[in-house]
Amino acid sequence: MSEQSPVHIYEKDRATFEKLRALPMEQLLRHPVDALPLAVRALAYCSKKNISTIGQLALAKRSEMLKAKNMGRKTVHHIAAYLGF
C-alpha cells in the first residue's frame, strides 16, 4: 500500500491500517477484505461479488466497480487509495 494515503483515515482505523501496511505483500493479499477500513458500500460490493480477500479486491476492475449499484467514483477512489493504486 502507498506510503501516504490521499483518503482520510479515521483515528479508530489508523492502527489497523498501519498493521496491514507493515505486512509482507503475499500475506496482505490473503487477508480478508473486511480488514480494510472500507465504506459500507465498498464492503457490500465485495459481498455481492464474492470478493473475500484483499488480493481478490486488488484484481477487481474499476470499470466493473463503477457499473455496480451504489458504487460511485468516490467509493472506487477510496478502494484504490487503500490498495495503493
Protein backbone atom coordinates (compact mmCIF):
# COMPACT_ATOMS: atom_id res chain seq x y z
CA MET A 1 0.00 0.00 0.00
CA SER A 2 1.18 3.53 -0.63
CA GLU A 3 3.20 5.44 1.95
CA GLN A 4 0.68 8.27 2.24
CA SER A 5 -2.96 7.69 1.53
CA PRO A 6 -4.92 10.58 -0.04
CA VAL A 7 -8.01 9.38 1.80
CA HIS A 8 -8.87 10.36 5.31
CA ILE A 9 -8.37 7.51 7.77
CA TYR A 10 -10.31 7.78 10.99
CA GLU A 11 -8.19 7.53 14.13
CA LYS A 12 -10.03 4.37 15.21
CA ASP A 13 -8.93 2.72 11.93
CA ARG A 14 -5.37 4.05 11.81
CA ALA A 15 -3.76 1.30 13.94
CA THR A 16 -5.38 -1.46 11.88
CA PHE A 17 -4.37 0.24 8.64
CA GLU A 18 -0.77 0.65 9.80
CA LYS A 19 -0.56 -3.03 10.85
CA LEU A 20 -1.79 -4.10 7.42
CA ARG A 21 0.71 -1.84 5.65
CA ALA A 22 3.55 -3.46 7.58
CA LEU A 23 2.72 -6.98 6.37
CA PRO A 24 4.60 -8.64 3.51
CA MET A 25 2.61 -8.28 0.28
CA GLU A 26 1.89 -12.01 -0.04
CA GLN A 27 0.41 -12.13 3.44
CA LEU A 28 -1.53 -8.89 2.98
CA LEU A 29 -3.25 -10.15 -0.17
CA ARG A 30 -4.61 -13.16 1.76
CA HIS A 31 -6.19 -11.02 4.48
CA PRO A 32 -9.98 -10.68 4.47
CA VAL A 33 -11.27 -7.61 2.68
CA ASP A 34 -13.16 -6.50 5.78
CA ALA A 35 -9.79 -5.97 7.50
CA LEU A 36 -9.54 -2.74 5.49
CA PRO A 37 -11.42 0.27 6.88
CA LEU A 38 -13.66 0.49 3.81
CA ALA A 39 -17.02 2.18 3.48
CA VAL A 40 -20.19 0.12 3.86
CA ARG A 41 -20.88 0.49 0.12
CA ALA A 42 -17.48 -0.95 -0.75
CA LEU A 43 -17.94 -3.89 1.61
CA ALA A 44 -21.43 -4.52 0.21
CA TYR A 45 -19.94 -4.60 -3.30
CA CYS A 46 -17.34 -7.13 -2.17
CA SER A 47 -20.01 -9.28 -0.59
CA LYS A 48 -22.21 -9.18 -3.69
CA LYS A 49 -19.29 -10.07 -5.98
CA ASN A 50 -17.98 -12.78 -3.61
CA ILE A 51 -14.72 -10.91 -3.04
CA SER A 52 -13.37 -12.16 0.27
CA THR A 53 -9.66 -11.23 0.26
CA ILE A 54 -7.68 -8.06 -0.33
CA GLY A 55 -5.97 -9.83 -3.23
CA GLN A 56 -9.28 -10.51 -4.95
CA LEU A 57 -10.29 -6.88 -4.45
CA ALA A 58 -6.98 -5.73 -5.95
CA LEU A 59 -7.82 -7.72 -9.10
CA ALA A 60 -11.28 -6.16 -9.47
CA LYS A 61 -11.56 -3.71 -12.36
CA ARG A 62 -12.52 -0.12 -11.64
CA SER A 63 -14.84 -0.09 -14.64
CA GLU A 64 -16.76 -3.07 -13.25
CA MET A 65 -16.98 -1.46 -9.82
CA LEU A 66 -18.42 1.71 -11.31
CA LYS A 67 -21.16 -0.27 -13.04
CA ALA A 68 -22.35 -1.74 -9.74
CA LYS A 69 -25.30 -0.28 -7.90
CA ASN A 70 -24.33 2.28 -5.21
CA MET A 71 -20.68 2.35 -6.28
CA GLY A 72 -19.64 5.83 -7.31
CA ARG A 73 -16.30 7.33 -8.23
CA LYS A 74 -15.63 8.40 -4.65
CA THR A 75 -16.08 4.87 -3.28
CA VAL A 76 -13.90 3.39 -6.03
CA HIS A 77 -11.29 6.10 -5.36
CA HIS A 78 -11.22 5.16 -1.67
CA ILE A 79 -10.72 1.48 -2.51
CA ALA A 80 -7.88 2.35 -4.91
CA ALA A 81 -6.25 4.62 -2.33
CA TYR A 82 -6.33 1.95 0.38
CA LEU A 83 -4.85 -0.55 -2.05
CA GLY A 84 -2.16 1.91 -3.10
CA PHE A 85 -3.01 2.50 -6.74
